[in-house]
Amino acid sequence: MWFAARQMRKRKPYKYPEGRTRLEPLAVIVLSVFMGSISIQLVAESVQAIVRMSQNNQEAPNVNDLALGIMASVIGKNYI
């Protein structure tokens, strides 16, 4: 997004007569594909960890106060 905004500010009327405003939707698409692929990878690793824990009869992971505080602040930030 930063790169697209920077490129849109640069004016080259002879090379881009309509401007570079079309870079913003392209940047949004690229960023959303990147974030989507990361989310899919995170879900896949989570499912693998759950299956691994259930097969070995392991307990749930311990969550200390720091991790709980970080999770609560991230969830709280999303509601603001």
PDB file of N, CA and C in Angstrom:
ATOM      1  N   MET A   1       0.833  -1.183   0.000  1.00  0.00           N
ATOM      2  CA  MET A   1       0.000   0.000   0.000  1.00  0.00           C
ATOM      3  C   MET A   1       0.879   1.248   0.000  1.00  0.00           C
ATOM      4  N   TRP A   2       1.944   1.212   0.787  1.00  0.00           N
ATOM      5  CA  TRP A   2       2.830   2.372   0.843  1.00  0.00           C
ATOM      6  C   TRP A   2       3.458   2.624  -0.518  1.00  0.00           C
ATOM      7  N   PHE A   3       3.910   1.562  -1.174  1.00  0.00           N
ATOM      8  CA  PHE A   3       4.542   1.704  -2.481  1.00  0.00           C
ATOM      9  C   PHE A   3       3.548   2.238  -3.506  1.00  0.00           C
ATOM     10  N   ALA A   4       2.321   1.728  -3.488  1.00  0.00           N
ATOM     11  CA  ALA A   4       1.311   2.190  -4.441  1.00  0.00           C
ATOM     12  C   ALA A   4       0.971   3.653  -4.204  1.00  0.00           C
ATOM     13  N   ALA A   5       0.843   4.048  -2.936  1.00  0.00           N
ATOM     14  CA  ALA A   5       0.549   5.455  -2.638  1.00  0.00           C
ATOM     15  C   ALA A   5       1.695   6.352  -3.079  1.00  0.00           C
ATOM     16  N   ARG A   6       2.899   5.881  -2.891  1.00  0.00           N
ATOM     17  CA  ARG A   6       4.070   6.670  -3.304  1.00  0.00           C
ATOM     18  C   ARG A   6       4.118   6.815  -4.826  1.00  0.00           C
ATOM     19  N   GLN A   7       3.845   5.736  -5.532  1.00  0.00           N
ATOM     20  CA  GLN A   7       3.863   5.795  -6.991  1.00  0.00           C
ATOM     21  C   GLN A   7       2.721   6.648  -7.540  1.00  0.00           C
ATOM     22  N   MET A   8       1.573   6.645  -6.854  1.00  0.00           N
ATOM     23  CA  MET A   8       0.444   7.453  -7.315  1.00  0.00           C
ATOM     24  C   MET A   8       0.738   8.940  -7.178  1.00  0.00           C
ATOM     25  N   ARG A   9       1.545   9.324  -6.196  1.00  0.00           N
ATOM     26  CA  ARG A   9       1.880  10.737  -6.014  1.00  0.00           C
ATOM     27  C   ARG A   9       2.815  11.257  -7.094  1.00  0.00           C
ATOM     28  N   LYS A  10       3.614  10.376  -7.667  1.00  0.00           N
ATOM     29  CA  LYS A  10       4.532  10.800  -8.723  1.00  0.00           C
ATOM     30  C   LYS A  10       3.738  11.025 -10.010  1.00  0.00           C
ATOM     31  N   ARG A  11       3.862  12.194 -10.564  1.00  0.00           N
ATOM     32  CA  ARG A  11       3.117  12.536 -11.772  1.00  0.00           C
ATOM     33  C   ARG A  11       4.001  12.361 -12.999  1.00  0.00           C
ATOM     34  N   LYS A  12       3.521  11.612 -13.969  1.00  0.00           N
ATOM     35  CA  LYS A  12       4.172  11.467 -15.271  1.00  0.00           C
ATOM     36  C   LYS A  12       3.062  11.558 -16.323  1.00  0.00           C
ATOM     37  N   PRO A  13       2.638  12.784 -16.659  1.00  0.00           N
ATOM     38  CA  PRO A  13       1.464  12.929 -17.531  1.00  0.00           C
ATOM     39  C   PRO A  13       1.665  12.390 -18.946  1.00  0.00           C
ATOM     40  N   TYR A  14       2.885  12.335 -19.429  1.00  0.00           N
ATOM     41  CA  TYR A  14       3.100  11.832 -20.785  1.00  0.00           C
ATOM     42  C   TYR A  14       3.135  10.308 -20.825  1.00  0.00           C
ATOM     43  N   LYS A  15       3.649   9.708 -19.777  1.00  0.00           N
ATOM     44  CA  LYS A  15       3.709   8.246 -19.724  1.00  0.00           C
ATOM     45  C   LYS A  15       2.389   7.642 -19.242  1.00  0.00           C
ATOM     46  N   TYR A  16       1.738   8.312 -18.285  1.00  0.00           N
ATOM     47  CA  TYR A  16       0.461   7.854 -17.733  1.00  0.00           C
ATOM     48  C   TYR A  16      -0.553   8.987 -17.849  1.00  0.00           C
ATOM     49  N   PRO A  17      -1.185   9.165 -19.018  1.00  0.00           N
ATOM     50  CA  PRO A  17      -2.095  10.306 -19.193  1.00  0.00           C
ATOM     51  C   PRO A  17      -3.326  10.260 -18.290  1.00  0.00           C
ATOM     52  N   GLU A  18      -3.765   9.077 -17.901  1.00  0.00           N
ATOM     53  CA  GLU A  18      -4.930   8.975 -17.014  1.00  0.00           C
ATOM     54  C   GLU A  18      -4.531   8.971 -15.552  1.00  0.00           C
ATOM     55  N   GLY A  19      -3.267   9.011 -15.262  1.00  0.00           N
ATOM     56  CA  GLY A  19      -2.801   8.986 -13.882  1.00  0.00           C
ATOM     57  C   GLY A  19      -2.553   7.562 -13.409  1.00  0.00           C
ATOM     58  N   ARG A  20      -2.144   7.470 -12.180  1.00  0.00           N
ATOM     59  CA  ARG A  20      -1.822   6.153 -11.610  1.00  0.00           C
ATOM     60  C   ARG A  20      -2.830   5.730 -10.553  1.00  0.00           C
ATOM     61  N   THR A  21      -4.035   6.218 -10.655  1.00  0.00           N
ATOM     62  CA  THR A  21      -5.037   5.889  -9.638  1.00  0.00           C
ATOM     63  C   THR A  21      -5.430   4.418  -9.678  1.00  0.00           C
ATOM     64  N   ARG A  22      -5.126   3.741 -10.765  1.00  0.00           N
ATOM     65  CA  ARG A  22      -5.469   2.320 -10.856  1.00  0.00           C
ATOM     66  C   ARG A  22      -4.498   1.439 -10.081  1.00  0.00           C
ATOM     67  N   LEU A  23      -3.453   2.019  -9.549  1.00  0.00           N
ATOM     68  CA  LEU A  23      -2.508   1.238  -8.753  1.00  0.00           C
ATOM     69  C   LEU A  23      -3.090   0.850  -7.401  1.00  0.00           C
ATOM     70  N   GLU A  24      -3.988   1.667  -6.874  1.00  0.00           N
ATOM     71  CA  GLU A  24      -4.547   1.373  -5.551  1.00  0.00           C
ATOM     72  C   GLU A  24      -5.342   0.068  -5.538  1.00  0.00           C
ATOM     73  N   PRO A  25      -6.281  -0.157  -6.476  1.00  0.00           N
ATOM     74  CA  PRO A  25      -6.980  -1.449  -6.459  1.00  0.00           C
ATOM     75  C   PRO A  25      -6.044  -2.635  -6.669  1.00  0.00           C
ATOM     76  N   LEU A  26      -5.022  -2.449  -7.480  1.00  0.00           N
ATOM     77  CA  LEU A  26      -4.052  -3.519  -7.692  1.00  0.00           C
ATOM     78  C   LEU A  26      -3.307  -3.840  -6.401  1.00  0.00           C
ATOM     79  N   ALA A  27      -2.915  -2.806  -5.663  1.00  0.00           N
ATOM     80  CA  ALA A  27      -2.220  -3.016  -4.391  1.00  0.00           C
ATOM     81  C   ALA A  27      -3.131  -3.707  -3.379  1.00  0.00           C
ATOM     82  N   VAL A  28      -4.404  -3.352  -3.377  1.00  0.00           N
ATOM     83  CA  VAL A  28      -5.353  -3.985  -2.459  1.00  0.00           C
ATOM     84  C   VAL A  28      -5.508  -5.465  -2.797  1.00  0.00           C
ATOM     85  N   ILE A  29      -5.580  -5.789  -4.074  1.00  0.00           N
ATOM     86  CA  ILE A  29      -5.721  -7.189  -4.489  1.00  0.00           C
ATOM     87  C   ILE A  29      -4.482  -7.991  -4.101  1.00  0.00           C
ATOM     88  N   VAL A  30      -3.302  -7.447  -4.372  1.00  0.00           N
ATOM     89  CA  VAL A  30      -2.061  -8.152  -4.036  1.00  0.00           C
ATOM     90  C   VAL A  30      -1.959  -8.368  -2.530  1.00  0.00           C
ATOM     91  N   LEU A  31      -2.271  -7.340  -1.756  1.00  0.00           N
ATOM     92  CA  LEU A  31      -2.200  -7.453  -0.301  1.00  0.00           C
ATOM     93  C   LEU A  31      -3.222  -8.458   0.235  1.00  0.00           C
ATOM     94  N   SER A  32      -4.421  -8.465  -0.329  1.00  0.00           N
ATOM     95  CA  SER A  32      -5.438  -9.398   0.157  1.00  0.00           C
ATOM     96  C   SER A  32      -5.084 -10.844  -0.189  1.00  0.00           C
ATOM     97  N   VAL A  33      -4.492 -11.080  -1.352  1.00  0.00           N
ATOM     98  CA  VAL A  33      -4.051 -12.434  -1.701  1.00  0.00           C
ATOM     99  C   VAL A  33      -2.951 -12.885  -0.748  1.00  0.00           C
ATOM    100  N   PHE A  34      -2.023 -11.991  -0.439  1.00  0.00           N
ATOM    101  CA  PHE A  34      -0.941 -12.303   0.491  1.00  0.00           C
ATOM    102  C   PHE A  34      -1.495 -12.637   1.874  1.00  0.00           C
ATOM    103  N   MET A  35      -2.405 -11.815   2.383  1.00  0.00           N
ATOM    104  CA  MET A  35      -2.978 -12.056   3.709  1.00  0.00           C
ATOM    105  C   MET A  35      -3.828 -13.326   3.722  1.00  0.00           C
ATOM    106  N   GLY A  36      -4.540 -13.590   2.628  1.00  0.00           N
ATOM    107  CA  GLY A  36      -5.341 -14.805   2.544  1.00  0.00           C
ATOM    108  C   GLY A  36      -4.494 -16.061   2.574  1.00  0.00           C
ATOM    109  N   SER A  37      -3.380 -16.032   1.853  1.00  0.00           N
ATOM    110  CA  SER A  37      -2.505 -17.209   1.852  1.00  0.00           C
ATOM    111  C   SER A  37      -1.877 -17.429   3.224  1.00  0.00           C
ATOM    112  N   ILE A  38      -1.552 -16.352   3.920  1.00  0.00           N
ATOM    113  CA  ILE A  38      -1.021 -16.489   5.280  1.00  0.00           C
ATOM    114  C   ILE A  38      -2.088 -17.063   6.213  1.00  0.00           C
ATOM    115  N   SER A  39      -3.329 -16.628   6.059  1.00  0.00           N
ATOM    116  CA  SER A  39      -4.410 -17.146   6.899  1.00  0.00           C
ATOM    117  C   SER A  39      -4.637 -18.635   6.658  1.00  0.00           C
ATOM    118  N   ILE A  40      -4.596 -19.042   5.406  1.00  0.00           N
ATOM    119  CA  ILE A  40      -4.773 -20.461   5.088  1.00  0.00           C
ATOM    120  C   ILE A  40      -3.645 -21.290   5.697  1.00  0.00           C
ATOM    121  N   GLN A  41      -2.426 -20.786   5.614  1.00  0.00           N
ATOM    122  CA  GLN A  41      -1.286 -21.497   6.203  1.00  0.00           C
ATOM    123  C   GLN A  41      -1.433 -21.600   7.719  1.00  0.00           C
ATOM    124  N   LEU A  42      -1.902 -20.538   8.356  1.00  0.00           N
ATOM    125  CA  LEU A  42      -2.101 -20.541   9.804  1.00  0.00           C
ATOM    126  C   LEU A  42      -3.166 -21.552  10.215  1.00  0.00           C
ATOM    127  N   VAL A  43      -4.260 -21.614   9.470  1.00  0.00           N
ATOM    128  CA  VAL A  43      -5.316 -22.578   9.771  1.00  0.00           C
ATOM    129  C   VAL A  43      -4.799 -24.005   9.589  1.00  0.00           C
ATOM    130  N   ALA A  44      -4.039 -24.241   8.524  1.00  0.00           N
ATOM    131  CA  ALA A  44      -3.503 -25.588   8.281  1.00  0.00           C
ATOM    132  C   ALA A  44      -2.569 -26.018   9.404  1.00  0.00           C
ATOM    133  N   GLU A  45      -1.699 -25.135   9.845  1.00  0.00           N
ATOM    134  CA  GLU A  45      -0.788 -25.483  10.938  1.00  0.00           C
ATOM    135  C   GLU A  45      -1.545 -25.694  12.243  1.00  0.00           C
ATOM    136  N   SER A  46      -2.602 -24.930  12.475  1.00  0.00           N
ATOM    137  CA  SER A  46      -3.404 -25.103  13.688  1.00  0.00           C
ATOM    138  C   SER A  46      -4.100 -26.455  13.694  1.00  0.00           C
ATOM    139  N   VAL A  47      -4.658 -26.839  12.564  1.00  0.00           N
ATOM    140  CA  VAL A  47      -5.326 -28.142  12.474  1.00  0.00           C
ATOM    141  C   VAL A  47      -4.318 -29.266  12.686  1.00  0.00           C
ATOM    142  N   GLN A  48      -3.133 -29.138  12.111  1.00  0.00           N
ATOM    143  CA  GLN A  48      -2.100 -30.155  12.308  1.00  0.00           C
ATOM    144  C   GLN A  48      -1.708 -30.265  13.778  1.00  0.00           C
ATOM    145  N   ALA A  49      -1.595 -29.135  14.460  1.00  0.00           N
ATOM    146  CA  ALA A  49      -1.237 -29.161  15.882  1.00  0.00           C
ATOM    147  C   ALA A  49      -2.340 -29.805  16.709  1.00  0.00           C
ATOM    148  N   ILE A  50      -3.594 -29.519  16.387  1.00  0.00           N
ATOM    149  CA  ILE A  50      -4.716 -30.115  17.121  1.00  0.00           C
ATOM    150  C   ILE A  50      -4.741 -31.624  16.914  1.00  0.00           C
ATOM    151  N   VAL A  51      -4.539 -32.070  15.685  1.00  0.00           N
ATOM    152  CA  VAL A  51      -4.530 -33.511  15.399  1.00  0.00           C
ATOM    153  C   VAL A  51      -3.366 -34.176  16.115  1.00  0.00           C
ATOM    154  N   ARG A  52      -2.204 -33.547  16.087  1.00  0.00           N
ATOM    155  CA  ARG A  52      -1.026 -34.106  16.756  1.00  0.00           C
ATOM    156  C   ARG A  52      -1.260 -34.223  18.260  1.00  0.00           C
ATOM    157  N   MET A  53      -1.879 -33.210  18.865  1.00  0.00           N
ATOM    158  CA  MET A  53      -2.149 -33.251  20.309  1.00  0.00           C
ATOM    159  C   MET A  53      -3.179 -34.315  20.652  1.00  0.00           C
ATOM    160  N   SER A  54      -4.188 -34.483  19.792  1.00  0.00           N
ATOM    161  CA  SER A  54      -5.223 -35.472  20.095  1.00  0.00           C
ATOM    162  C   SER A  54      -4.703 -36.898  19.933  1.00  0.00           C
ATOM    163  N   GLN A  55      -3.782 -37.115  19.027  1.00  0.00           N
ATOM    164  CA  GLN A  55      -3.241 -38.460  18.838  1.00  0.00           C
ATOM    165  C   GLN A  55      -2.301 -38.855  19.966  1.00  0.00           C
ATOM    166  N   ASN A  56      -1.602 -37.894  20.530  1.00  0.00           N
ATOM    167  CA  ASN A  56      -0.654 -38.186  21.609  1.00  0.00           C
ATOM    168  C   ASN A  56      -1.266 -38.005  22.995  1.00  0.00           C
ATOM    169  N   ASN A  57      -2.561 -37.727  23.058  1.00  0.00           N
ATOM    170  CA  ASN A  57      -3.263 -37.486  24.318  1.00  0.00           C
ATOM    171  C   ASN A  57      -2.568 -36.426  25.164  1.00  0.00           C
ATOM    172  N   GLN A  58      -2.154 -35.354  24.532  1.00  0.00           N
ATOM    173  CA  GLN A  58      -1.493 -34.268  25.245  1.00  0.00           C
ATOM    174  C   GLN A  58      -2.526 -33.298  25.800  1.00  0.00           C
ATOM    175  N   GLU A  59      -2.097 -32.565  26.808  1.00  0.00           N
ATOM    176  CA  GLU A  59      -2.957 -31.533  27.374  1.00  0.00           C
ATOM    177  C   GLU A  59      -2.948 -30.309  26.467  1.00  0.00           C
ATOM    178  N   ALA A  60      -3.893 -29.439  26.724  1.00  0.00           N
ATOM    179  CA  ALA A  60      -3.920 -28.170  25.996  1.00  0.00           C
ATOM    180  C   ALA A  60      -2.704 -27.338  26.397  1.00  0.00           C
ATOM    181  N   PRO A  61      -2.202 -26.508  25.511  1.00  0.00           N
ATOM    182  CA  PRO A  61      -1.022 -25.706  25.858  1.00  0.00           C
ATOM    183  C   PRO A  61      -1.327 -24.722  26.982  1.00  0.00           C
ATOM    184  N   ASN A  62      -0.323 -24.477  27.815  1.00  0.00           N
ATOM    185  CA  ASN A  62      -0.480 -23.517  28.905  1.00  0.00           C
ATOM    186  C   ASN A  62      -0.395 -22.101  28.358  1.00  0.00           C
ATOM    187  N   VAL A  63      -1.281 -21.245  28.830  1.00  0.00           N
ATOM    188  CA  VAL A  63      -1.282 -19.843  28.419  1.00  0.00           C
ATOM    189  C   VAL A  63      -0.916 -19.017  29.642  1.00  0.00           C
ATOM    190  N   ASN A  64       0.237 -18.346  29.579  1.00  0.00           N
ATOM    191  CA  ASN A  64       0.648 -17.531  30.722  1.00  0.00           C
ATOM    192  C   ASN A  64      -0.014 -16.154  30.650  1.00  0.00           C
ATOM    193  N   ASP A  65       0.228 -15.335  31.656  1.00  0.00           N
ATOM    194  CA  ASP A  65      -0.431 -14.033  31.742  1.00  0.00           C
ATOM    195  C   ASP A  65      -0.044 -13.107  30.596  1.00  0.00           C
ATOM    196  N   LEU A  66       1.200 -13.160  30.165  1.00  0.00           N
ATOM    197  CA  LEU A  66       1.651 -12.302  29.072  1.00  0.00           C
ATOM    198  C   LEU A  66       0.926 -12.646  27.776  1.00  0.00           C
ATOM    199  N   ALA A  67       0.846 -13.921  27.448  1.00  0.00           N
ATOM    200  CA  ALA A  67       0.156 -14.342  26.229  1.00  0.00           C
ATOM    201  C   ALA A  67      -1.325 -13.999  26.300  1.00  0.00           C
ATOM    202  N   LEU A  68      -1.927 -14.185  27.460  1.00  0.00           N
ATOM    203  CA  LEU A  68      -3.337 -13.851  27.637  1.00  0.00           C
ATOM    204  C   LEU A  68      -3.562 -12.355  27.479  1.00  0.00           C
ATOM    205  N   GLY A  69      -2.658 -11.547  28.016  1.00  0.00           N
ATOM    206  CA  GLY A  69      -2.765 -10.093  27.871  1.00  0.00           C
ATOM    207  C   GLY A  69      -2.634  -9.648  26.427  1.00  0.00           C
ATOM    208  N   ILE A  70      -1.710 -10.258  25.694  1.00  0.00           N
ATOM    209  CA  ILE A  70      -1.540  -9.911  24.281  1.00  0.00           C
ATOM    210  C   ILE A  70      -2.783 -10.285  23.483  1.00  0.00           C
ATOM    211  N   MET A  71      -3.319 -11.474  23.726  1.00  0.00           N
ATOM    212  CA  MET A  71      -4.530 -11.892  23.013  1.00  0.00           C
ATOM    213  C   MET A  71      -5.701 -10.974  23.328  1.00  0.00           C
ATOM    214  N   ALA A  72      -5.866 -10.618  24.596  1.00  0.00           N
ATOM    215  CA  ALA A  72      -6.971  -9.741  24.990  1.00  0.00           C
ATOM    216  C   ALA A  72      -6.823  -8.359  24.371  1.00  0.00           C
ATOM    217  N   SER A  73      -5.595  -7.832  24.312  1.00  0.00           N
ATOM    218  CA  SER A  73      -5.409  -6.502  23.725  1.00  0.00           C
ATOM    219  C   SER A  73      -5.669  -6.513  22.222  1.00  0.00           C
ATOM    220  N   VAL A  74      -5.297  -7.578  21.537  1.00  0.00           N
ATOM    221  CA  VAL A  74      -5.557  -7.658  20.095  1.00  0.00           C
ATOM    222  C   VAL A  74      -7.050  -7.764  19.830  1.00  0.00           C
ATOM    223  N   ILE A  75      -7.740  -8.597  20.598  1.00  0.00           N
ATOM    224  CA  ILE A  75      -9.188  -8.725  20.426  1.00  0.00           C
ATOM    225  C   ILE A  75      -9.878  -7.417  20.777  1.00  0.00           C
ATOM    226  N   GLY A  76      -9.444  -6.769  21.853  1.00  0.00           N
ATOM    227  CA  GLY A  76     -10.032  -5.483  22.233  1.00  0.00           C
ATOM    228  C   GLY A  76      -9.787  -4.404  21.197  1.00  0.00           C
ATOM    229  N   LYS A  77      -8.610  -4.412  20.588  1.00  0.00           N
ATOM    230  CA  LYS A  77      -8.283  -3.419  19.563  1.00  0.00           C
ATOM    231  C   LYS A  77      -9.190  -3.561  18.348  1.00  0.00           C
ATOM    232  N   ASN A  78      -9.587  -4.776  18.036  1.00  0.00           N
ATOM    233  CA  ASN A  78     -10.446  -4.992  16.875  1.00  0.00           C
ATOM    234  C   ASN A  78     -11.851  -4.442  17.090  1.00  0.00           C
ATOM    235  N   TYR A  79     -12.276  -4.297  18.318  1.00  0.00           N
ATOM    236  CA  TYR A  79     -13.606  -3.760  18.592  1.00  0.00           C
ATOM    237  C   TYR A  79     -13.623  -2.245  18.665  1.00  0.00           C
ATOM    238  N   ILE A  80     -12.460  -1.628  18.684  1.00  0.00           N
ATOM    239  CA  ILE A  80     -12.398  -0.156  18.770  1.00  0.00           C
ATOM    240  C   ILE A  80     -12.463   0.449  17.397  1.00  0.00           C
TER     241      ILE A  80
END
